[in-house]
C-alpha atoms as a PDB file:
ATOM      1  CA  UNK A   1       0.000   0.000   0.000  1.00  0.00           C
ATOM      2  CA  UNK A   2       1.280   3.448  -0.899  1.00  0.00           C
ATOM      3  CA  UNK A   3      -0.394   6.659   0.244  1.00  0.00           C
ATOM      4  CA  UNK A   4       0.500  10.331  -0.064  1.00  0.00           C
ATOM      5  CA  UNK A   5       1.483  12.345   2.985  1.00  0.00           C
ATOM      6  CA  UNK A   6      -1.482  14.690   2.492  1.00  0.00           C
ATOM      7  CA  UNK A   7      -3.889  11.728   2.304  1.00  0.00           C
ATOM      8  CA  UNK A   8      -2.258  10.294   5.433  1.00  0.00           C
ATOM      9  CA  UNK A   9      -2.935  13.548   7.282  1.00  0.00           C
ATOM     10  CA  UNK A  10      -6.604  13.420   6.292  1.00  0.00           C
ATOM     11  CA  UNK A  11      -7.167   9.759   7.157  1.00  0.00           C
ATOM     12  CA  UNK A  12      -4.634   8.882   9.856  1.00  0.00           C
ATOM     13  CA  UNK A  13      -6.973   7.075  12.277  1.00  0.00           C
ATOM     14  CA  UNK A  14      -8.607   4.851   9.620  1.00  0.00           C
ATOM     15  CA  UNK A  15      -5.175   4.252   8.071  1.00  0.00           C
ATOM     16  CA  UNK A  16      -3.820   3.010  11.400  1.00  0.00           C
ATOM     17  CA  UNK A  17      -6.770   0.635  11.619  1.00  0.00           C
ATOM     18  CA  UNK A  18      -6.191  -0.705   8.084  1.00  0.00           C
ATOM     19  CA  UNK A  19      -2.485  -1.212   8.695  1.00  0.00           C
ATOM     20  CA  UNK A  20      -3.142  -3.077  11.946  1.00  0.00           C
ATOM     21  CA  UNK A  21      -5.839  -5.262  10.364  1.00  0.00           C
ATOM     22  CA  UNK A  22      -3.760  -6.201   7.324  1.00  0.00           C
ATOM     23  CA  UNK A  23      -0.459  -6.555   9.244  1.00  0.00           C
ATOM     24  CA  UNK A  24       1.220  -4.938   6.228  1.00  0.00           C
ATOM     25  CA  UNK A  25       3.433  -1.895   6.135  1.00  0.00           C
ATOM     26  CA  UNK A  26       2.315   1.099   4.117  1.00  0.00           C
ATOM     27  CA  UNK A  27       4.513   3.588   2.289  1.00  0.00           C
ATOM     28  CA  UNK A  28       3.812   7.245   3.039  1.00  0.00           C
ATOM     29  CA  UNK A  29       5.105   9.232   0.070  1.00  0.00           C
ATOM     30  CA  UNK A  30       5.821  12.960  -0.052  1.00  0.00           C
ATOM     31  CA  UNK A  31       7.826  15.243  -2.321  1.00  0.00           C
ATOM     32  CA  UNK A  32      10.672  15.619   0.181  1.00  0.00           C
ATOM     33  CA  UNK A  33      10.970  12.104   1.606  1.00  0.00           C
ATOM     34  CA  UNK A  34       9.164   8.852   2.267  1.00  0.00           C
ATOM     35  CA  UNK A  35       8.266   6.944   5.421  1.00  0.00           C
ATOM     36  CA  UNK A  36       6.689   3.660   6.428  1.00  0.00           C
ATOM     37  CA  UNK A  37       3.700   3.084   8.673  1.00  0.00           C
ATOM     38  CA  UNK A  38       3.406  -0.390  10.168  1.00  0.00           C
ATOM     39  CA  UNK A  39       1.789  -2.160  13.117  1.00  0.00           C
ATOM     40  CA  UNK A  40       3.695  -1.591  16.366  1.00  0.00           C
ATOM     41  CA  UNK A  41       3.900  -5.368  16.952  1.00  0.00           C
ATOM     42  CA  UNK A  42       5.556  -5.877  13.567  1.00  0.00           C
ATOM     43  CA  UNK A  43       8.018  -3.044  14.255  1.00  0.00           C
ATOM     44  CA  UNK A  44       8.906  -4.448  17.682  1.00  0.00           C
ATOM     45  CA  UNK A  45       9.451  -7.908  16.181  1.00  0.00           C
ATOM     46  CA  UNK A  46      11.725  -6.554  13.453  1.00  0.00           C
ATOM     47  CA  UNK A  47      13.716  -4.537  16.002  1.00  0.00           C
ATOM     48  CA  UNK A  48      14.144  -7.606  18.215  1.00  0.00           C
ATOM     49  CA  UNK A  49      15.260  -9.722  15.252  1.00  0.00           C
ATOM     50  CA  UNK A  50      17.775  -7.070  14.202  1.00  0.00           C
ATOM     51  CA  UNK A  51      19.084  -6.868  17.774  1.00  0.00           C
ATOM     52  CA  UNK A  52      19.516 -10.645  18.000  1.00  0.00           C
ATOM     53  CA  UNK A  53      21.334 -10.816  14.654  1.00  0.00           C
ATOM     54  CA  UNK A  54      23.845  -8.106  15.643  1.00  0.00           C
ATOM     55  CA  UNK A  55      25.870 -10.739  17.468  1.00  0.00           C
ATOM     56  CA  UNK A  56      27.545 -13.107  14.977  1.00  0.00           C
ATOM     57  CA  UNK A  57      27.460 -15.958  17.524  1.00  0.00           C
ATOM     58  CA  UNK A  58      23.753 -15.403  18.129  1.00  0.00           C
ATOM     59  CA  UNK A  59      23.078 -15.251  14.391  1.00  0.00           C
ATOM     60  CA  UNK A  60      24.877 -18.580  13.834  1.00  0.00           C
ATOM     61  CA  UNK A  61      22.924 -20.250  16.638  1.00  0.00           C
ATOM     62  CA  UNK A  62      19.600 -19.001  15.304  1.00  0.00           C
ATOM     63  CA  UNK A  63      20.403 -20.022  11.742  1.00  0.00           C
ATOM     64  CA  UNK A  64      21.475 -23.472  12.948  1.00  0.00           C
ATOM     65  CA  UNK A  65      18.179 -23.913  14.805  1.00  0.00           C
ATOM     66  CA  UNK A  66      16.258 -23.227  11.591  1.00  0.00           C
ATOM     67  CA  UNK A  67      18.541 -25.377   9.463  1.00  0.00           C
ATOM     68  CA  UNK A  68      19.874 -22.408   7.526  1.00  0.00           C
ATOM     69  CA  UNK A  69      23.336 -22.353   9.007  1.00  0.00           C
ATOM     70  CA  UNK A  70      24.875 -25.112   6.926  1.00  0.00           C
ATOM     71  CA  UNK A  71      24.942 -26.170   3.324  1.00  0.00           C
ATOM     72  CA  UNK A  72      23.003 -29.444   2.772  1.00  0.00           C
ATOM     73  CA  UNK A  73      25.700 -30.516   0.274  1.00  0.00           C
ATOM     74  CA  UNK A  74      28.255 -30.411   3.114  1.00  0.00           C
ATOM     75  CA  UNK A  75      26.142 -32.791   5.206  1.00  0.00           C
ATOM     76  CA  UNK A  76      26.014 -35.409   2.427  1.00  0.00           C
ATOM     77  CA  UNK A  77      29.799 -35.606   2.060  1.00  0.00           C
END
């Protein structure tokens, strides 16, 4: 979803409701710069994920848990 800054000003409360219902981020576009509006829960989750991945050791552990930390070809050899 993309919406102009002036339209955002006019419809902020309904826009917040739509964003929270859809769980999708929306682009707020203006002539000078752009921004994103997203559900607070989604923002908090992305911030926590970014924090956890800042530590290389933590990132390796998390990737290993999800099976993404190693190449399946290496396991076959």
